[in-house]
Amino acid sequence: AYLEALLEQRLGGEKVDILTPRDPSRRGAQLSVVVKGRDVVAVQKALRARGAVVDERKPDVIRVAPAPLYNSFEDCRKFVAML
């Protein structure tokens, strides 16, 4: 929920759209994010080079799954800044 809120507040509409259902009962921890106006493979490689592990689904989706046991609020903030 925290990463979703950050993405919406800082990048929503202009740079990204979240495809994952908003209702927590209809989803797991993973977010599917449409990356607008950029090559998704290049975005995935750039994120990986900076330490973020995501996967891509062509033509324009990255998937990210922050895990509370491993990722901090700061990790989420850094991810959004990288994106």
PDB file of N, CA and C in Angstrom:
ATOM      1  N   ALA A   1       0.820  -1.195   0.000  1.00  0.00           N
ATOM      2  CA  ALA A   1       0.000   0.000   0.000  1.00  0.00           C
ATOM      3  C   ALA A   1       0.864   1.259   0.000  1.00  0.00           C
ATOM      4  N   TYR A   2       2.005   1.214   0.727  1.00  0.00           N
ATOM      5  CA  TYR A   2       2.861   2.397   0.794  1.00  0.00           C
ATOM      6  C   TYR A   2       3.474   2.720  -0.565  1.00  0.00           C
ATOM      7  N   LEU A   3       4.031   1.716  -1.230  1.00  0.00           N
ATOM      8  CA  LEU A   3       4.626   1.955  -2.543  1.00  0.00           C
ATOM      9  C   LEU A   3       3.564   2.425  -3.533  1.00  0.00           C
ATOM     10  N   GLU A   4       2.408   1.828  -3.486  1.00  0.00           N
ATOM     11  CA  GLU A   4       1.310   2.244  -4.362  1.00  0.00           C
ATOM     12  C   GLU A   4       0.970   3.722  -4.149  1.00  0.00           C
ATOM     13  N   ALA A   5       0.865   4.132  -2.889  1.00  0.00           N
ATOM     14  CA  ALA A   5       0.548   5.529  -2.576  1.00  0.00           C
ATOM     15  C   ALA A   5       1.653   6.463  -3.069  1.00  0.00           C
ATOM     16  N   LEU A   6       2.903   6.085  -2.878  1.00  0.00           N
ATOM     17  CA  LEU A   6       4.014   6.912  -3.358  1.00  0.00           C
ATOM     18  C   LEU A   6       3.992   7.057  -4.872  1.00  0.00           C
ATOM     19  N   LEU A   7       3.784   5.953  -5.567  1.00  0.00           N
ATOM     20  CA  LEU A   7       3.736   6.000  -7.030  1.00  0.00           C
ATOM     21  C   LEU A   7       2.621   6.928  -7.506  1.00  0.00           C
ATOM     22  N   GLU A   8       1.468   6.813  -6.890  1.00  0.00           N
ATOM     23  CA  GLU A   8       0.334   7.662  -7.281  1.00  0.00           C
ATOM     24  C   GLU A   8       0.613   9.135  -6.998  1.00  0.00           C
ATOM     25  N   GLN A   9       1.156   9.438  -5.815  1.00  0.00           N
ATOM     26  CA  GLN A   9       1.403  10.817  -5.421  1.00  0.00           C
ATOM     27  C   GLN A   9       2.485  11.482  -6.258  1.00  0.00           C
ATOM     28  N   ARG A  10       3.556  10.755  -6.519  1.00  0.00           N
ATOM     29  CA  ARG A  10       4.725  11.381  -7.145  1.00  0.00           C
ATOM     30  C   ARG A  10       4.802  11.208  -8.656  1.00  0.00           C
ATOM     31  N   LEU A  11       4.237  10.106  -9.186  1.00  0.00           N
ATOM     32  CA  LEU A  11       4.392   9.837 -10.616  1.00  0.00           C
ATOM     33  C   LEU A  11       3.081   9.558 -11.337  1.00  0.00           C
ATOM     34  N   GLY A  12       2.009   9.352 -10.591  1.00  0.00           N
ATOM     35  CA  GLY A  12       0.741   8.923 -11.169  1.00  0.00           C
ATOM     36  C   GLY A  12       0.208   9.812 -12.266  1.00  0.00           C
ATOM     37  N   GLY A  13      -0.306   9.158 -13.297  1.00  0.00           N
ATOM     38  CA  GLY A  13      -0.917   9.888 -14.402  1.00  0.00           C
ATOM     39  C   GLY A  13       0.059  10.299 -15.476  1.00  0.00           C
ATOM     40  N   GLU A  14       1.133  10.975 -15.116  1.00  0.00           N
ATOM     41  CA  GLU A  14       2.096  11.459 -16.105  1.00  0.00           C
ATOM     42  C   GLU A  14       3.095  10.401 -16.538  1.00  0.00           C
ATOM     43  N   LYS A  15       3.704   9.739 -15.569  1.00  0.00           N
ATOM     44  CA  LYS A  15       4.792   8.802 -15.879  1.00  0.00           C
ATOM     45  C   LYS A  15       4.406   7.344 -15.741  1.00  0.00           C
ATOM     46  N   VAL A  16       3.445   7.041 -14.864  1.00  0.00           N
ATOM     47  CA  VAL A  16       3.054   5.649 -14.625  1.00  0.00           C
ATOM     48  C   VAL A  16       1.553   5.541 -14.393  1.00  0.00           C
ATOM     49  N   ASP A  17       1.032   4.341 -14.607  1.00  0.00           N
ATOM     50  CA  ASP A  17      -0.317   3.950 -14.201  1.00  0.00           C
ATOM     51  C   ASP A  17      -0.199   2.609 -13.502  1.00  0.00           C
ATOM     52  N   ILE A  18      -0.941   2.418 -12.446  1.00  0.00           N
ATOM     53  CA  ILE A  18      -0.923   1.146 -11.725  1.00  0.00           C
ATOM     54  C   ILE A  18      -2.055   0.276 -12.245  1.00  0.00           C
ATOM     55  N   LEU A  19      -1.706  -0.925 -12.726  1.00  0.00           N
ATOM     56  CA  LEU A  19      -2.698  -1.855 -13.259  1.00  0.00           C
ATOM     57  C   LEU A  19      -3.303  -2.748 -12.188  1.00  0.00           C
ATOM     58  N   THR A  20      -2.574  -2.977 -11.126  1.00  0.00           N
ATOM     59  CA  THR A  20      -3.010  -3.873 -10.059  1.00  0.00           C
ATOM     60  C   THR A  20      -4.309  -3.355  -9.443  1.00  0.00           C
ATOM     61  N   PRO A  21      -5.264  -4.247  -9.164  1.00  0.00           N
ATOM     62  CA  PRO A  21      -6.512  -3.805  -8.526  1.00  0.00           C
ATOM     63  C   PRO A  21      -6.248  -3.039  -7.230  1.00  0.00           C
ATOM     64  N   ARG A  22      -7.009  -2.012  -6.986  1.00  0.00           N
ATOM     65  CA  ARG A  22      -6.845  -1.187  -5.777  1.00  0.00           C
ATOM     66  C   ARG A  22      -7.321  -1.914  -4.514  1.00  0.00           C
ATOM     67  N   ASP A  23      -8.292  -2.770  -4.669  1.00  0.00           N
ATOM     68  CA  ASP A  23      -8.879  -3.492  -3.536  1.00  0.00           C
ATOM     69  C   ASP A  23      -7.889  -4.553  -3.037  1.00  0.00           C
ATOM     70  N   PRO A  24      -7.384  -4.417  -1.805  1.00  0.00           N
ATOM     71  CA  PRO A  24      -6.410  -5.373  -1.278  1.00  0.00           C
ATOM     72  C   PRO A  24      -6.888  -6.829  -1.273  1.00  0.00           C
ATOM     73  N   SER A  25      -8.191  -7.054  -1.208  1.00  0.00           N
ATOM     74  CA  SER A  25      -8.696  -8.432  -1.207  1.00  0.00           C
ATOM     75  C   SER A  25      -8.626  -9.083  -2.588  1.00  0.00           C
ATOM     76  N   ARG A  26      -8.332  -8.284  -3.625  1.00  0.00           N
ATOM     77  CA  ARG A  26      -8.266  -8.795  -4.996  1.00  0.00           C
ATOM     78  C   ARG A  26      -6.847  -8.880  -5.537  1.00  0.00           C
ATOM     79  N   ARG A  27      -5.847  -8.775  -4.643  1.00  0.00           N
ATOM     80  CA  ARG A  27      -4.463  -8.781  -5.117  1.00  0.00           C
ATOM     81  C   ARG A  27      -3.518  -9.309  -4.054  1.00  0.00           C
ATOM     82  N   GLY A  28      -2.282  -9.514  -4.481  1.00  0.00           N
ATOM     83  CA  GLY A  28      -1.213  -9.879  -3.556  1.00  0.00           C
ATOM     84  C   GLY A  28      -0.324  -8.667  -3.322  1.00  0.00           C
ATOM     85  N   ALA A  29       0.957  -8.914  -3.071  1.00  0.00           N
ATOM     86  CA  ALA A  29       1.886  -7.831  -2.766  1.00  0.00           C
ATOM     87  C   ALA A  29       2.468  -7.172  -4.008  1.00  0.00           C
ATOM     88  N   GLN A  30       2.396  -7.835  -5.133  1.00  0.00           N
ATOM     89  CA  GLN A  30       3.021  -7.329  -6.353  1.00  0.00           C
ATOM     90  C   GLN A  30       2.203  -6.215  -6.995  1.00  0.00           C
ATOM     91  N   LEU A  31       2.897  -5.194  -7.519  1.00  0.00           N
ATOM     92  CA  LEU A  31       2.250  -4.134  -8.279  1.00  0.00           C
ATOM     93  C   LEU A  31       2.684  -4.226  -9.733  1.00  0.00           C
ATOM     94  N   SER A  32       1.746  -4.164 -10.635  1.00  0.00           N
ATOM     95  CA  SER A  32       2.032  -4.066 -12.064  1.00  0.00           C
ATOM     96  C   SER A  32       1.870  -2.600 -12.447  1.00  0.00           C
ATOM     97  N   VAL A  33       2.936  -2.033 -13.002  1.00  0.00           N
ATOM     98  CA  VAL A  33       2.990  -0.598 -13.257  1.00  0.00           C
ATOM     99  C   VAL A  33       3.267  -0.341 -14.733  1.00  0.00           C
ATOM    100  N   VAL A  34       2.397   0.403 -15.394  1.00  0.00           N
ATOM    101  CA  VAL A  34       2.622   0.809 -16.781  1.00  0.00           C
ATOM    102  C   VAL A  34       3.609   1.970 -16.753  1.00  0.00           C
ATOM    103  N   VAL A  35       4.689   1.819 -17.503  1.00  0.00           N
ATOM    104  CA  VAL A  35       5.697   2.874 -17.629  1.00  0.00           C
ATOM    105  C   VAL A  35       5.402   3.617 -18.929  1.00  0.00           C
ATOM    106  N   LYS A  36       5.020   4.874 -18.809  1.00  0.00           N
ATOM    107  CA  LYS A  36       4.580   5.644 -19.982  1.00  0.00           C
ATOM    108  C   LYS A  36       5.750   6.313 -20.711  1.00  0.00           C
ATOM    109  N   GLY A  37       5.750   6.164 -22.032  1.00  0.00           N
ATOM    110  CA  GLY A  37       6.687   6.904 -22.865  1.00  0.00           C
ATOM    111  C   GLY A  37       8.132   6.492 -22.792  1.00  0.00           C
ATOM    112  N   ARG A  38       8.410   5.317 -22.220  1.00  0.00           N
ATOM    113  CA  ARG A  38       9.791   4.845 -22.128  1.00  0.00           C
ATOM    114  C   ARG A  38       9.849   3.366 -22.488  1.00  0.00           C
ATOM    115  N   ASP A  39      10.995   2.938 -22.941  1.00  0.00           N
ATOM    116  CA  ASP A  39      11.217   1.536 -23.278  1.00  0.00           C
ATOM    117  C   ASP A  39      11.299   0.718 -21.987  1.00  0.00           C
ATOM    118  N   VAL A  40      10.377  -0.211 -21.815  1.00  0.00           N
ATOM    119  CA  VAL A  40      10.279  -0.953 -20.562  1.00  0.00           C
ATOM    120  C   VAL A  40      11.523  -1.809 -20.296  1.00  0.00           C
ATOM    121  N   VAL A  41      12.144  -2.335 -21.332  1.00  0.00           N
ATOM    122  CA  VAL A  41      13.363  -3.133 -21.138  1.00  0.00           C
ATOM    123  C   VAL A  41      14.490  -2.238 -20.622  1.00  0.00           C
ATOM    124  N   ALA A  42      14.621  -1.059 -21.193  1.00  0.00           N
ATOM    125  CA  ALA A  42      15.644  -0.114 -20.730  1.00  0.00           C
ATOM    126  C   ALA A  42      15.388   0.316 -19.283  1.00  0.00           C
ATOM    127  N   VAL A  43      14.123   0.536 -18.938  1.00  0.00           N
ATOM    128  CA  VAL A  43      13.764   0.911 -17.566  1.00  0.00           C
ATOM    129  C   VAL A  43      14.138  -0.220 -16.613  1.00  0.00           C
ATOM    130  N   GLN A  44      13.795  -1.441 -16.961  1.00  0.00           N
ATOM    131  CA  GLN A  44      14.109  -2.597 -16.112  1.00  0.00           C
ATOM    132  C   GLN A  44      15.612  -2.726 -15.912  1.00  0.00           C
ATOM    133  N   LYS A  45      16.380  -2.577 -16.978  1.00  0.00           N
ATOM    134  CA  LYS A  45      17.841  -2.695 -16.872  1.00  0.00           C
ATOM    135  C   LYS A  45      18.433  -1.571 -16.024  1.00  0.00           C
ATOM    136  N   ALA A  46      17.927  -0.363 -16.194  1.00  0.00           N
ATOM    137  CA  ALA A  46      18.418   0.773 -15.401  1.00  0.00           C
ATOM    138  C   ALA A  46      18.105   0.591 -13.918  1.00  0.00           C
ATOM    139  N   LEU A  47      16.901   0.116 -13.616  1.00  0.00           N
ATOM    140  CA  LEU A  47      16.537  -0.140 -12.221  1.00  0.00           C
ATOM    141  C   LEU A  47      17.407  -1.232 -11.622  1.00  0.00           C
ATOM    142  N   ARG A  48      17.623  -2.298 -12.368  1.00  0.00           N
ATOM    143  CA  ARG A  48      18.462  -3.395 -11.878  1.00  0.00           C
ATOM    144  C   ARG A  48      19.896  -2.917 -11.624  1.00  0.00           C
ATOM    145  N   ALA A  49      20.412  -2.080 -12.507  1.00  0.00           N
ATOM    146  CA  ALA A  49      21.767  -1.554 -12.342  1.00  0.00           C
ATOM    147  C   ALA A  49      21.896  -0.729 -11.059  1.00  0.00           C
ATOM    148  N   ARG A  50      20.780  -0.181 -10.601  1.00  0.00           N
ATOM    149  CA  ARG A  50      20.778   0.628  -9.372  1.00  0.00           C
ATOM    150  C   ARG A  50      20.313  -0.163  -8.156  1.00  0.00           C
ATOM    151  N   GLY A  51      20.131  -1.477  -8.321  1.00  0.00           N
ATOM    152  CA  GLY A  51      19.823  -2.333  -7.183  1.00  0.00           C
ATOM    153  C   GLY A  51      18.374  -2.706  -6.981  1.00  0.00           C
ATOM    154  N   ALA A  52      17.483  -2.279  -7.859  1.00  0.00           N
ATOM    155  CA  ALA A  52      16.064  -2.624  -7.732  1.00  0.00           C
ATOM    156  C   ALA A  52      15.766  -3.841  -8.604  1.00  0.00           C
ATOM    157  N   VAL A  53      15.154  -4.841  -8.021  1.00  0.00           N
ATOM    158  CA  VAL A  53      14.821  -6.049  -8.764  1.00  0.00           C
ATOM    159  C   VAL A  53      13.354  -5.996  -9.169  1.00  0.00           C
ATOM    160  N   VAL A  54      13.129  -5.888 -10.469  1.00  0.00           N
ATOM    161  CA  VAL A  54      11.791  -5.883 -11.046  1.00  0.00           C
ATOM    162  C   VAL A  54      11.830  -6.770 -12.281  1.00  0.00           C
ATOM    163  N   ASP A  55      10.674  -7.124 -12.787  1.00  0.00           N
ATOM    164  CA  ASP A  55      10.657  -7.779 -14.092  1.00  0.00           C
ATOM    165  C   ASP A  55       9.763  -6.969 -15.014  1.00  0.00           C
ATOM    166  N   GLU A  56       9.912  -7.216 -16.313  1.00  0.00           N
ATOM    167  CA  GLU A  56       9.119  -6.466 -17.277  1.00  0.00           C
ATOM    168  C   GLU A  56       8.219  -7.387 -18.055  1.00  0.00           C
ATOM    169  N   ARG A  57       7.127  -6.796 -18.477  1.00  0.00           N
ATOM    170  CA  ARG A  57       6.163  -7.475 -19.338  1.00  0.00           C
ATOM    171  C   ARG A  57       5.893  -6.526 -20.491  1.00  0.00           C
ATOM    172  N   LYS A  58       6.361  -6.918 -21.647  1.00  0.00           N
ATOM    173  CA  LYS A  58       6.189  -6.069 -22.824  1.00  0.00           C
ATOM    174  C   LYS A  58       4.717  -5.942 -23.144  1.00  0.00           C
ATOM    175  N   PRO A  59       4.278  -4.800 -23.591  1.00  0.00           N
ATOM    176  CA  PRO A  59       5.113  -3.740 -24.142  1.00  0.00           C
ATOM    177  C   PRO A  59       5.535  -2.664 -23.143  1.00  0.00           C
ATOM    178  N   ASP A  60       4.851  -2.527 -21.972  1.00  0.00           N
ATOM    179  CA  ASP A  60       5.136  -1.339 -21.160  1.00  0.00           C
ATOM    180  C   ASP A  60       4.906  -1.507 -19.662  1.00  0.00           C
ATOM    181  N   VAL A  61       5.017  -2.735 -19.142  1.00  0.00           N
ATOM    182  CA  VAL A  61       4.705  -2.975 -17.728  1.00  0.00           C
ATOM    183  C   VAL A  61       5.938  -3.498 -16.986  1.00  0.00           C
ATOM    184  N   ILE A  62       6.178  -2.943 -15.801  1.00  0.00           N
ATOM    185  CA  ILE A  62       7.135  -3.534 -14.871  1.00  0.00           C
ATOM    186  C   ILE A  62       6.343  -4.037 -13.679  1.00  0.00           C
ATOM    187  N   ARG A  63       6.887  -5.091 -13.064  1.00  0.00           N
ATOM    188  CA  ARG A  63       6.245  -5.637 -11.863  1.00  0.00           C
ATOM    189  C   ARG A  63       7.235  -5.543 -10.719  1.00  0.00           C
ATOM    190  N   VAL A  64       6.750  -5.042  -9.599  1.00  0.00           N
ATOM    191  CA  VAL A  64       7.581  -4.864  -8.408  1.00  0.00           C
ATOM    192  C   VAL A  64       6.816  -5.415  -7.213  1.00  0.00           C
ATOM    193  N   ALA A  65       7.531  -6.073  -6.315  1.00  0.00           N
ATOM    194  CA  ALA A  65       6.886  -6.690  -5.153  1.00  0.00           C
ATOM    195  C   ALA A  65       7.704  -6.425  -3.893  1.00  0.00           C
ATOM    196  N   PRO A  66       7.499  -5.266  -3.270  1.00  0.00           N
ATOM    197  CA  PRO A  66       8.233  -4.994  -2.031  1.00  0.00           C
ATOM    198  C   PRO A  66       7.779  -5.947  -0.928  1.00  0.00           C
ATOM    199  N   ALA A  67       8.734  -6.474  -0.191  1.00  0.00           N
ATOM    200  CA  ALA A  67       8.432  -7.403   0.896  1.00  0.00           C
ATOM    201  C   ALA A  67       8.783  -6.748   2.227  1.00  0.00           C
ATOM    202  N   PRO A  68       7.828  -6.637   3.150  1.00  0.00           N
ATOM    203  CA  PRO A  68       8.073  -5.946   4.413  1.00  0.00           C
ATOM    204  C   PRO A  68       9.255  -6.479   5.220  1.00  0.00           C
ATOM    205  N   LEU A  69       9.560  -7.758   5.098  1.00  0.00           N
ATOM    206  CA  LEU A  69      10.693  -8.311   5.849  1.00  0.00           C
ATOM    207  C   LEU A  69      12.039  -7.884   5.265  1.00  0.00           C
ATOM    208  N   TYR A  70      12.053  -7.461   4.014  1.00  0.00           N
ATOM    209  CA  TYR A  70      13.306  -7.142   3.333  1.00  0.00           C
ATOM    210  C   TYR A  70      13.405  -5.687   2.896  1.00  0.00           C
ATOM    211  N   ASN A  71      12.286  -5.041   2.606  1.00  0.00           N
ATOM    212  CA  ASN A  71      12.302  -3.684   2.073  1.00  0.00           C
ATOM    213  C   ASN A  71      11.752  -2.696   3.090  1.00  0.00           C
ATOM    214  N   SER A  72      12.447  -1.575   3.207  1.00  0.00           N
ATOM    215  CA  SER A  72      12.039  -0.529   4.149  1.00  0.00           C
ATOM    216  C   SER A  72      11.209   0.545   3.426  1.00  0.00           C
ATOM    217  N   PHE A  73      10.645   1.454   4.208  1.00  0.00           N
ATOM    218  CA  PHE A  73       9.956   2.597   3.620  1.00  0.00           C
ATOM    219  C   PHE A  73      10.936   3.394   2.759  1.00  0.00           C
ATOM    220  N   GLU A  74      12.177   3.498   3.235  1.00  0.00           N
ATOM    221  CA  GLU A  74      13.200   4.224   2.477  1.00  0.00           C
ATOM    222  C   GLU A  74      13.483   3.536   1.142  1.00  0.00           C
ATOM    223  N   ASP A  75      13.499   2.204   1.114  1.00  0.00           N
ATOM    224  CA  ASP A  75      13.672   1.477  -0.147  1.00  0.00           C
ATOM    225  C   ASP A  75      12.573   1.858  -1.136  1.00  0.00           C
ATOM    226  N   CYS A  76      11.345   1.960  -0.640  1.00  0.00           N
ATOM    227  CA  CYS A  76      10.219   2.341  -1.506  1.00  0.00           C
ATOM    228  C   CYS A  76      10.406   3.757  -2.035  1.00  0.00           C
ATOM    229  N   ARG A  77      10.826   4.671  -1.174  1.00  0.00           N
ATOM    230  CA  ARG A  77      11.055   6.049  -1.615  1.00  0.00           C
ATOM    231  C   ARG A  77      12.166   6.119  -2.662  1.00  0.00           C
ATOM    232  N   LYS A  78      13.238   5.364  -2.452  1.00  0.00           N
ATOM    233  CA  LYS A  78      14.344   5.335  -3.424  1.00  0.00           C
ATOM    234  C   LYS A  78      13.881   4.763  -4.767  1.00  0.00           C
ATOM    235  N   PHE A  79      13.074   3.716  -4.708  1.00  0.00           N
ATOM    236  CA  PHE A  79      12.571   3.118  -5.944  1.00  0.00           C
ATOM    237  C   PHE A  79      11.777   4.127  -6.766  1.00  0.00           C
ATOM    238  N   VAL A  80      10.884   4.843  -6.115  1.00  0.00           N
ATOM    239  CA  VAL A  80      10.075   5.834  -6.819  1.00  0.00           C
ATOM    240  C   VAL A  80      10.967   6.935  -7.400  1.00  0.00           C
ATOM    241  N   ALA A  81      11.970   7.343  -6.662  1.00  0.00           N
ATOM    242  CA  ALA A  81      12.892   8.365  -7.176  1.00  0.00           C
ATOM    243  C   ALA A  81      13.661   7.849  -8.401  1.00  0.00           C
ATOM    244  N   MET A  82      14.044   6.574  -8.396  1.00  0.00           N
ATOM    245  CA  MET A  82      14.753   5.976  -9.531  1.00  0.00           C
ATOM    246  C   MET A  82      13.862   5.896 -10.759  1.00  0.00           C
ATOM    247  N   LEU A  83      12.594   5.627 -10.532  1.00  0.00           N
ATOM    248  CA  LEU A  83      11.664   5.435 -11.637  1.00  0.00           C
ATOM    249  C   LEU A  83      11.348   6.750 -12.320  1.00  0.00           C
TER     250      LEU A  83
END
